[in-house]
Amino acid sequence: MLDNAKRIAVPMDLLNRSDLKGAKKVFIAVKGKEILLIPESGEIEQGAKIFGLRSIDNKGRIVLPKLFSEVSSDWTPYLLDGQIWVTRKIEL
């Protein structure tokens, strides 16, 4: 979820099951058309472009860099292979 302040709100149950568990800061990366959240101590995936390092607050919120002003509330976080990705909602 994304709120009006351009923060990604990652549900705590996803954070606790991901490689971000216990992380205080994350790299904001873009790979393809998705945002990948990488723990500060983690490995940067090949092909990912890093756009900033941000703090995670105690509610799982991460403020995006100003560059992401086009990101809107139709983006949602999901867990894949232990990583948190953020993508546009897909209507089926």
PDB file of N, CA and C in Angstrom:
ATOM      1  N   MET A   1       0.830  -1.187   0.000  1.00  0.00           N
ATOM      2  CA  MET A   1       0.000   0.000   0.000  1.00  0.00           C
ATOM      3  C   MET A   1       0.871   1.245   0.000  1.00  0.00           C
ATOM      4  N   LEU A   2       0.316   2.295  -0.580  1.00  0.00           N
ATOM      5  CA  LEU A   2       1.022   3.558  -0.610  1.00  0.00           C
ATOM      6  C   LEU A   2       0.078   4.620  -0.093  1.00  0.00           C
ATOM      7  N   ASP A   3       0.553   5.470   0.808  1.00  0.00           N
ATOM      8  CA  ASP A   3      -0.332   6.522   1.307  1.00  0.00           C
ATOM      9  C   ASP A   3       0.013   7.851   0.641  1.00  0.00           C
ATOM     10  N   ASN A   4      -0.679   8.904   1.024  1.00  0.00           N
ATOM     11  CA  ASN A   4      -0.507  10.208   0.383  1.00  0.00           C
ATOM     12  C   ASN A   4       0.885  10.798   0.543  1.00  0.00           C
ATOM     13  N   ALA A   5       1.627  10.384   1.548  1.00  0.00           N
ATOM     14  CA  ALA A   5       2.971  10.915   1.779  1.00  0.00           C
ATOM     15  C   ALA A   5       4.023  10.163   0.958  1.00  0.00           C
ATOM     16  N   LYS A   6       3.590   9.333   0.018  1.00  0.00           N
ATOM     17  CA  LYS A   6       4.490   8.529  -0.816  1.00  0.00           C
ATOM     18  C   LYS A   6       5.336   7.583   0.026  1.00  0.00           C
ATOM     19  N   ARG A   7       4.639   6.955   0.968  1.00  0.00           N
ATOM     20  CA  ARG A   7       5.283   5.920   1.781  1.00  0.00           C
ATOM     21  C   ARG A   7       4.716   4.571   1.379  1.00  0.00           C
ATOM     22  N   ILE A   8       5.586   3.595   1.296  1.00  0.00           N
ATOM     23  CA  ILE A   8       5.134   2.223   1.127  1.00  0.00           C
ATOM     24  C   ILE A   8       4.885   1.680   2.529  1.00  0.00           C
ATOM     25  N   ALA A   9       3.712   1.132   2.752  1.00  0.00           N
ATOM     26  CA  ALA A   9       3.390   0.515   4.036  1.00  0.00           C
ATOM     27  C   ALA A   9       3.402  -0.999   3.829  1.00  0.00           C
ATOM     28  N   VAL A  10       4.449  -1.642   4.300  1.00  0.00           N
ATOM     29  CA  VAL A  10       4.581  -3.090   4.157  1.00  0.00           C
ATOM     30  C   VAL A  10       3.985  -3.737   5.408  1.00  0.00           C
ATOM     31  N   PRO A  11       2.985  -4.607   5.241  1.00  0.00           N
ATOM     32  CA  PRO A  11       2.401  -5.262   6.412  1.00  0.00           C
ATOM     33  C   PRO A  11       3.467  -5.996   7.227  1.00  0.00           C
ATOM     34  N   MET A  12       3.341  -5.908   8.553  1.00  0.00           N
ATOM     35  CA  MET A  12       4.349  -6.497   9.440  1.00  0.00           C
ATOM     36  C   MET A  12       4.482  -8.008   9.245  1.00  0.00           C
ATOM     37  N   ASP A  13       3.397  -8.710   8.919  1.00  0.00           N
ATOM     38  CA  ASP A  13       3.523 -10.155   8.715  1.00  0.00           C
ATOM     39  C   ASP A  13       4.405 -10.466   7.497  1.00  0.00           C
ATOM     40  N   LEU A  14       4.359  -9.605   6.469  1.00  0.00           N
ATOM     41  CA  LEU A  14       5.265  -9.789   5.330  1.00  0.00           C
ATOM     42  C   LEU A  14       6.705  -9.470   5.714  1.00  0.00           C
ATOM     43  N   LEU A  15       6.900  -8.363   6.425  1.00  0.00           N
ATOM     44  CA  LEU A  15       8.258  -7.996   6.856  1.00  0.00           C
ATOM     45  C   LEU A  15       8.896  -9.107   7.680  1.00  0.00           C
ATOM     46  N   ASN A  16       8.130  -9.668   8.594  1.00  0.00           N
ATOM     47  CA  ASN A  16       8.668 -10.698   9.481  1.00  0.00           C
ATOM     48  C   ASN A  16       8.991 -12.005   8.771  1.00  0.00           C
ATOM     49  N   ARG A  17       8.436 -12.215   7.593  1.00  0.00           N
ATOM     50  CA  ARG A  17       8.712 -13.431   6.820  1.00  0.00           C
ATOM     51  C   ARG A  17       9.716 -13.183   5.700  1.00  0.00           C
ATOM     52  N   SER A  18      10.250 -11.971   5.630  1.00  0.00           N
ATOM     53  CA  SER A  18      11.136 -11.614   4.521  1.00  0.00           C
ATOM     54  C   SER A  18      12.569 -11.396   4.992  1.00  0.00           C
ATOM     55  N   ASP A  19      13.426 -11.088   4.021  1.00  0.00           N
ATOM     56  CA  ASP A  19      14.821 -10.764   4.352  1.00  0.00           C
ATOM     57  C   ASP A  19      14.942  -9.388   5.000  1.00  0.00           C
ATOM     58  N   LEU A  20      13.837  -8.659   5.121  1.00  0.00           N
ATOM     59  CA  LEU A  20      13.849  -7.352   5.788  1.00  0.00           C
ATOM     60  C   LEU A  20      13.584  -7.456   7.287  1.00  0.00           C
ATOM     61  N   LYS A  21      13.319  -8.657   7.778  1.00  0.00           N
ATOM     62  CA  LYS A  21      13.050  -8.831   9.202  1.00  0.00           C
ATOM     63  C   LYS A  21      14.216  -8.286  10.026  1.00  0.00           C
ATOM     64  N   GLY A  22      13.924  -7.339  10.893  1.00  0.00           N
ATOM     65  CA  GLY A  22      14.937  -6.740  11.750  1.00  0.00           C
ATOM     66  C   GLY A  22      15.748  -5.633  11.092  1.00  0.00           C
ATOM     67  N   ALA A  23      15.560  -5.411   9.799  1.00  0.00           N
ATOM     68  CA  ALA A  23      16.324  -4.364   9.104  1.00  0.00           C
ATOM     69  C   ALA A  23      15.830  -2.991   9.540  1.00  0.00           C
ATOM     70  N   LYS A  24      16.746  -2.069   9.689  1.00  0.00           N
ATOM     71  CA  LYS A  24      16.413  -0.686  10.042  1.00  0.00           C
ATOM     72  C   LYS A  24      16.399   0.208   8.804  1.00  0.00           C
ATOM     73  N   LYS A  25      17.174  -0.190   7.788  1.00  0.00           N
ATOM     74  CA  LYS A  25      17.251   0.591   6.551  1.00  0.00           C
ATOM     75  C   LYS A  25      17.200  -0.353   5.361  1.00  0.00           C
ATOM     76  N   VAL A  26      16.642   0.174   4.262  1.00  0.00           N
ATOM     77  CA  VAL A  26      16.554  -0.611   3.032  1.00  0.00           C
ATOM     78  C   VAL A  26      16.988   0.237   1.842  1.00  0.00           C
ATOM     79  N   PHE A  27      17.572  -0.444   0.870  1.00  0.00           N
ATOM     80  CA  PHE A  27      17.831   0.187  -0.409  1.00  0.00           C
ATOM     81  C   PHE A  27      16.539   0.120  -1.213  1.00  0.00           C
ATOM     82  N   ILE A  28      16.206   1.210  -1.886  1.00  0.00           N
ATOM     83  CA  ILE A  28      15.067   1.249  -2.796  1.00  0.00           C
ATOM     84  C   ILE A  28      15.642   1.005  -4.185  1.00  0.00           C
ATOM     85  N   ALA A  29      15.292  -0.114  -4.779  1.00  0.00           N
ATOM     86  CA  ALA A  29      15.821  -0.482  -6.087  1.00  0.00           C
ATOM     87  C   ALA A  29      14.672  -0.690  -7.062  1.00  0.00           C
ATOM     88  N   VAL A  30      14.971  -0.525  -8.317  1.00  0.00           N
ATOM     89  CA  VAL A  30      14.001  -0.815  -9.367  1.00  0.00           C
ATOM     90  C   VAL A  30      14.607  -1.883 -10.257  1.00  0.00           C
ATOM     91  N   LYS A  31      13.826  -2.900 -10.490  1.00  0.00           N
ATOM     92  CA  LYS A  31      14.242  -3.972 -11.394  1.00  0.00           C
ATOM     93  C   LYS A  31      13.066  -4.233 -12.316  1.00  0.00           C
ATOM     94  N   GLY A  32      13.264  -3.978 -13.583  1.00  0.00           N
ATOM     95  CA  GLY A  32      12.151  -4.054 -14.525  1.00  0.00           C
ATOM     96  C   GLY A  32      11.173  -2.938 -14.205  1.00  0.00           C
ATOM     97  N   LYS A  33       9.915  -3.280 -13.995  1.00  0.00           N
ATOM     98  CA  LYS A  33       8.895  -2.288 -13.671  1.00  0.00           C
ATOM     99  C   LYS A  33       8.435  -2.408 -12.229  1.00  0.00           C
ATOM    100  N   GLU A  34       9.249  -3.041 -11.402  1.00  0.00           N
ATOM    101  CA  GLU A  34       8.887  -3.247 -10.006  1.00  0.00           C
ATOM    102  C   GLU A  34       9.926  -2.637  -9.079  1.00  0.00           C
ATOM    103  N   ILE A  35       9.480  -2.321  -7.881  1.00  0.00           N
ATOM    104  CA  ILE A  35      10.364  -1.807  -6.837  1.00  0.00           C
ATOM    105  C   ILE A  35      10.761  -2.989  -5.962  1.00  0.00           C
ATOM    106  N   LEU A  36      12.042  -3.108  -5.683  1.00  0.00           N
ATOM    107  CA  LEU A  36      12.567  -4.152  -4.814  1.00  0.00           C
ATOM    108  C   LEU A  36      13.156  -3.485  -3.582  1.00  0.00           C
ATOM    109  N   LEU A  37      12.785  -3.963  -2.408  1.00  0.00           N
ATOM    110  CA  LEU A  37      13.318  -3.450  -1.144  1.00  0.00           C
ATOM    111  C   LEU A  37      14.402  -4.409  -0.674  1.00  0.00           C
ATOM    112  N   ILE A  38      15.622  -3.895  -0.558  1.00  0.00           N
ATOM    113  CA  ILE A  38      16.784  -4.715  -0.213  1.00  0.00           C
ATOM    114  C   ILE A  38      17.323  -4.256   1.138  1.00  0.00           C
ATOM    115  N   PRO A  39      17.530  -5.178   2.091  1.00  0.00           N
ATOM    116  CA  PRO A  39      18.094  -4.748   3.372  1.00  0.00           C
ATOM    117  C   PRO A  39      19.466  -4.120   3.170  1.00  0.00           C
ATOM    118  N   GLU A  40      19.783  -3.149   4.012  1.00  0.00           N
ATOM    119  CA  GLU A  40      21.064  -2.434   3.898  1.00  0.00           C
ATOM    120  C   GLU A  40      22.240  -3.398   3.872  1.00  0.00           C
ATOM    121  N   SER A  41      22.123  -4.488   4.598  1.00  0.00           N
ATOM    122  CA  SER A  41      23.216  -5.463   4.670  1.00  0.00           C
ATOM    123  C   SER A  41      23.127  -6.522   3.570  1.00  0.00           C
ATOM    124  N   GLY A  42      22.113  -6.428   2.710  1.00  0.00           N
ATOM    125  CA  GLY A  42      21.894  -7.454   1.689  1.00  0.00           C
ATOM    126  C   GLY A  42      22.683  -7.229   0.420  1.00  0.00           C
ATOM    127  N   GLU A  43      22.579  -8.210  -0.467  1.00  0.00           N
ATOM    128  CA  GLU A  43      23.252  -8.131  -1.761  1.00  0.00           C
ATOM    129  C   GLU A  43      22.371  -7.412  -2.759  1.00  0.00           C
ATOM    130  N   ILE A  44      22.975  -6.587  -3.577  1.00  0.00           N
ATOM    131  CA  ILE A  44      22.257  -5.890  -4.633  1.00  0.00           C
ATOM    132  C   ILE A  44      22.169  -6.829  -5.827  1.00  0.00           C
ATOM    133  N   GLU A  45      20.953  -7.079  -6.290  1.00  0.00           N
ATOM    134  CA  GLU A  45      20.763  -7.978  -7.423  1.00  0.00           C
ATOM    135  C   GLU A  45      21.289  -7.365  -8.710  1.00  0.00           C
ATOM    136  N   GLN A  46      21.829  -8.216  -9.557  1.00  0.00           N
ATOM    137  CA  GLN A  46      22.310  -7.752 -10.852  1.00  0.00           C
ATOM    138  C   GLN A  46      21.127  -7.210 -11.653  1.00  0.00           C
ATOM    139  N   GLY A  47      21.315  -6.071 -12.275  1.00  0.00           N
ATOM    140  CA  GLY A  47      20.269  -5.461 -13.077  1.00  0.00           C
ATOM    141  C   GLY A  47      19.355  -4.524 -12.301  1.00  0.00           C
ATOM    142  N   ALA A  48      19.541  -4.442 -10.982  1.00  0.00           N
ATOM    143  CA  ALA A  48      18.724  -3.541 -10.160  1.00  0.00           C
ATOM    144  C   ALA A  48      19.374  -2.166 -10.124  1.00  0.00           C
ATOM    145  N   LYS A  49      18.561  -1.128 -10.214  1.00  0.00           N
ATOM    146  CA  LYS A  49      19.052   0.248 -10.120  1.00  0.00           C
ATOM    147  C   LYS A  49      18.667   0.784  -8.748  1.00  0.00           C
ATOM    148  N   ILE A  50      19.646   1.264  -8.001  1.00  0.00           N
ATOM    149  CA  ILE A  50      19.432   1.754  -6.645  1.00  0.00           C
ATOM    150  C   ILE A  50      19.080   3.245  -6.699  1.00  0.00           C
ATOM    151  N   PHE A  51      17.997   3.622  -6.002  1.00  0.00           N
ATOM    152  CA  PHE A  51      17.545   5.008  -5.999  1.00  0.00           C
ATOM    153  C   PHE A  51      17.610   5.660  -4.630  1.00  0.00           C
ATOM    154  N   GLY A  52      18.024   4.930  -3.621  1.00  0.00           N
ATOM    155  CA  GLY A  52      18.165   5.544  -2.316  1.00  0.00           C
ATOM    156  C   GLY A  52      18.201   4.526  -1.198  1.00  0.00           C
ATOM    157  N   LEU A  53      18.592   4.998  -0.037  1.00  0.00           N
ATOM    158  CA  LEU A  53      18.606   4.212   1.192  1.00  0.00           C
ATOM    159  C   LEU A  53      17.621   4.883   2.131  1.00  0.00           C
ATOM    160  N   ARG A  54      16.667   4.133   2.640  1.00  0.00           N
ATOM    161  CA  ARG A  54      15.620   4.699   3.476  1.00  0.00           C
ATOM    162  C   ARG A  54      15.443   3.881   4.748  1.00  0.00           C
ATOM    163  N   SER A  55      14.947   4.535   5.780  1.00  0.00           N
ATOM    164  CA  SER A  55      14.639   3.874   7.054  1.00  0.00           C
ATOM    165  C   SER A  55      13.273   3.212   6.991  1.00  0.00           C
ATOM    166  N   ILE A  56      13.127   2.149   7.769  1.00  0.00           N
ATOM    167  CA  ILE A  56      11.831   1.505   7.962  1.00  0.00           C
ATOM    168  C   ILE A  56      11.372   1.899   9.356  1.00  0.00           C
ATOM    169  N   ASP A  57      10.165   2.457   9.470  1.00  0.00           N
ATOM    170  CA  ASP A  57       9.699   2.804  10.814  1.00  0.00           C
ATOM    171  C   ASP A  57       9.095   1.579  11.499  1.00  0.00           C
ATOM    172  N   ASN A  58       8.686   1.728  12.750  1.00  0.00           N
ATOM    173  CA  ASN A  58       8.210   0.573  13.524  1.00  0.00           C
ATOM    174  C   ASN A  58       6.850   0.051  13.054  1.00  0.00           C
ATOM    175  N   LYS A  59       6.227   0.725  12.084  1.00  0.00           N
ATOM    176  CA  LYS A  59       4.962   0.247  11.519  1.00  0.00           C
ATOM    177  C   LYS A  59       5.158  -0.313  10.107  1.00  0.00           C
ATOM    178  N   GLY A  60       6.411  -0.439   9.683  1.00  0.00           N
ATOM    179  CA  GLY A  60       6.705  -1.010   8.370  1.00  0.00           C
ATOM    180  C   GLY A  60       6.575  -0.031   7.223  1.00  0.00           C
ATOM    181  N   ARG A  61       6.631   1.256   7.514  1.00  0.00           N
ATOM    182  CA  ARG A  61       6.493   2.276   6.462  1.00  0.00           C
ATOM    183  C   ARG A  61       7.867   2.737   5.996  1.00  0.00           C
ATOM    184  N   ILE A  62       7.958   2.949   4.683  1.00  0.00           N
ATOM    185  CA  ILE A  62       9.205   3.377   4.065  1.00  0.00           C
ATOM    186  C   ILE A  62       8.874   4.557   3.149  1.00  0.00           C
ATOM    187  N   VAL A  63       9.525   5.688   3.385  1.00  0.00           N
ATOM    188  CA  VAL A  63       9.303   6.868   2.544  1.00  0.00           C
ATOM    189  C   VAL A  63      10.132   6.714   1.272  1.00  0.00           C
ATOM    190  N   LEU A  64       9.453   6.883   0.138  1.00  0.00           N
ATOM    191  CA  LEU A  64      10.139   6.748  -1.148  1.00  0.00           C
ATOM    192  C   LEU A  64      10.899   8.019  -1.502  1.00  0.00           C
ATOM    193  N   PRO A  65      11.969   7.887  -2.293  1.00  0.00           N
ATOM    194  CA  PRO A  65      12.668   9.077  -2.788  1.00  0.00           C
ATOM    195  C   PRO A  65      11.713   9.940  -3.617  1.00  0.00           C
ATOM    196  N   LYS A  66      11.978  11.239  -3.680  1.00  0.00           N
ATOM    197  CA  LYS A  66      11.121  12.163  -4.431  1.00  0.00           C
ATOM    198  C   LYS A  66      10.967  11.756  -5.886  1.00  0.00           C
ATOM    199  N   LEU A  67      11.945  11.087  -6.413  1.00  0.00           N
ATOM    200  CA  LEU A  67      11.912  10.614  -7.788  1.00  0.00           C
ATOM    201  C   LEU A  67      10.670   9.757  -8.060  1.00  0.00           C
ATOM    202  N   PHE A  68      10.123   9.136  -7.028  1.00  0.00           N
ATOM    203  CA  PHE A  68       8.983   8.230  -7.171  1.00  0.00           C
ATOM    204  C   PHE A  68       7.644   8.941  -7.013  1.00  0.00           C
ATOM    205  N   SER A  69       7.581  10.205  -7.358  1.00  0.00           N
ATOM    206  CA  SER A  69       6.340  10.969  -7.186  1.00  0.00           C
ATOM    207  C   SER A  69       5.204  10.441  -8.058  1.00  0.00           C
ATOM    208  N   GLU A  70       5.515   9.690  -9.075  1.00  0.00           N
ATOM    209  CA  GLU A  70       4.479   9.133  -9.946  1.00  0.00           C
ATOM    210  C   GLU A  70       3.859   7.862  -9.378  1.00  0.00           C
ATOM    211  N   VAL A  71       4.452   7.286  -8.363  1.00  0.00           N
ATOM    212  CA  VAL A  71       3.910   6.070  -7.765  1.00  0.00           C
ATOM    213  C   VAL A  71       2.629   6.437  -7.037  1.00  0.00           C
ATOM    214  N   SER A  72       1.586   5.672  -7.260  1.00  0.00           N
ATOM    215  CA  SER A  72       0.303   5.988  -6.638  1.00  0.00           C
ATOM    216  C   SER A  72      -0.202   4.824  -5.815  1.00  0.00           C
ATOM    217  N   SER A  73      -1.405   4.960  -5.287  1.00  0.00           N
ATOM    218  CA  SER A  73      -1.941   3.971  -4.361  1.00  0.00           C
ATOM    219  C   SER A  73      -2.305   2.649  -5.024  1.00  0.00           C
ATOM    220  N   ASP A  74      -2.148   2.538  -6.334  1.00  0.00           N
ATOM    221  CA  ASP A  74      -2.439   1.255  -6.961  1.00  0.00           C
ATOM    222  C   ASP A  74      -1.219   0.322  -6.944  1.00  0.00           C
ATOM    223  N   TRP A  75      -0.240   0.630  -6.116  1.00  0.00           N
ATOM    224  CA  TRP A  75       0.923  -0.230  -5.916  1.00  0.00           C
ATOM    225  C   TRP A  75       0.743  -1.008  -4.623  1.00  0.00           C
ATOM    226  N   THR A  76       1.216  -2.239  -4.598  1.00  0.00           N
ATOM    227  CA  THR A  76       1.061  -3.067  -3.410  1.00  0.00           C
ATOM    228  C   THR A  76       2.310  -3.924  -3.184  1.00  0.00           C
ATOM    229  N   PRO A  77       2.695  -4.127  -1.922  1.00  0.00           N
ATOM    230  CA  PRO A  77       3.860  -4.976  -1.631  1.00  0.00           C
ATOM    231  C   PRO A  77       3.469  -6.457  -1.617  1.00  0.00           C
ATOM    232  N   TYR A  78       4.408  -7.307  -2.010  1.00  0.00           N
ATOM    233  CA  TYR A  78       4.203  -8.749  -1.921  1.00  0.00           C
ATOM    234  C   TYR A  78       5.527  -9.434  -1.605  1.00  0.00           C
ATOM    235  N   LEU A  79       5.435 -10.651  -1.123  1.00  0.00           N
ATOM    236  CA  LEU A  79       6.599 -11.447  -0.733  1.00  0.00           C
ATOM    237  C   LEU A  79       6.864 -12.490  -1.807  1.00  0.00           C
ATOM    238  N   LEU A  80       8.092 -12.553  -2.306  1.00  0.00           N
ATOM    239  CA  LEU A  80       8.481 -13.555  -3.297  1.00  0.00           C
ATOM    240  C   LEU A  80       9.875 -14.039  -2.951  1.00  0.00           C
ATOM    241  N   ASP A  81       9.999 -15.314  -2.680  1.00  0.00           N
ATOM    242  CA  ASP A  81      11.293 -15.922  -2.347  1.00  0.00           C
ATOM    243  C   ASP A  81      12.025 -15.163  -1.247  1.00  0.00           C
ATOM    244  N   GLY A  82      11.284 -14.714  -0.245  1.00  0.00           N
ATOM    245  CA  GLY A  82      11.889 -14.036   0.898  1.00  0.00           C
ATOM    246  C   GLY A  82      12.167 -12.564   0.703  1.00  0.00           C
ATOM    247  N   GLN A  83      11.846 -12.033  -0.470  1.00  0.00           N
ATOM    248  CA  GLN A  83      12.101 -10.613  -0.746  1.00  0.00           C
ATOM    249  C   GLN A  83      10.778  -9.862  -0.850  1.00  0.00           C
ATOM    250  N   ILE A  84      10.818  -8.583  -0.464  1.00  0.00           N
ATOM    251  CA  ILE A  84       9.649  -7.726  -0.607  1.00  0.00           C
ATOM    252  C   ILE A  84       9.772  -6.954  -1.914  1.00  0.00           C
ATOM    253  N   TRP A  85       8.773  -7.131  -2.761  1.00  0.00           N
ATOM    254  CA  TRP A  85       8.658  -6.421  -4.029  1.00  0.00           C
ATOM    255  C   TRP A  85       7.421  -5.546  -3.954  1.00  0.00           C
ATOM    256  N   VAL A  86       7.402  -4.479  -4.716  1.00  0.00           N
ATOM    257  CA  VAL A  86       6.238  -3.609  -4.780  1.00  0.00           C
ATOM    258  C   VAL A  86       5.889  -3.453  -6.258  1.00  0.00           C
ATOM    259  N   THR A  87       4.642  -3.710  -6.590  1.00  0.00           N
ATOM    260  CA  THR A  87       4.225  -3.655  -7.983  1.00  0.00           C
ATOM    261  C   THR A  87       2.823  -3.088  -8.105  1.00  0.00           C
ATOM    262  N   ARG A  88       2.452  -2.715  -9.301  1.00  0.00           N
ATOM    263  CA  ARG A  88       1.086  -2.257  -9.540  1.00  0.00           C
ATOM    264  C   ARG A  88       0.142  -3.437  -9.395  1.00  0.00           C
ATOM    265  N   LYS A  89      -1.040  -3.168  -8.845  1.00  0.00           N
ATOM    266  CA  LYS A  89      -2.053  -4.206  -8.724  1.00  0.00           C
ATOM    267  C   LYS A  89      -2.455  -4.661 -10.126  1.00  0.00           C
ATOM    268  N   ILE A  90      -2.633  -5.946 -10.264  1.00  0.00           N
ATOM    269  CA  ILE A  90      -3.012  -6.515 -11.556  1.00  0.00           C
ATOM    270  C   ILE A  90      -4.474  -6.908 -11.472  1.00  0.00           C
ATOM    271  N   GLU A  91      -5.258  -6.405 -12.390  1.00  0.00           N
ATOM    272  CA  GLU A  91      -6.675  -6.759 -12.466  1.00  0.00           C
ATOM    273  C   GLU A  91      -6.820  -7.959 -13.382  1.00  0.00           C
ATOM    274  N   LEU A  92      -7.423  -9.033 -12.886  1.00  0.00           N
ATOM    275  CA  LEU A  92      -7.644 -10.231 -13.710  1.00  0.00           C
ATOM    276  C   LEU A  92      -9.091 -10.313 -14.145  1.00  0.00           C
TER     277      LEU A  92
END
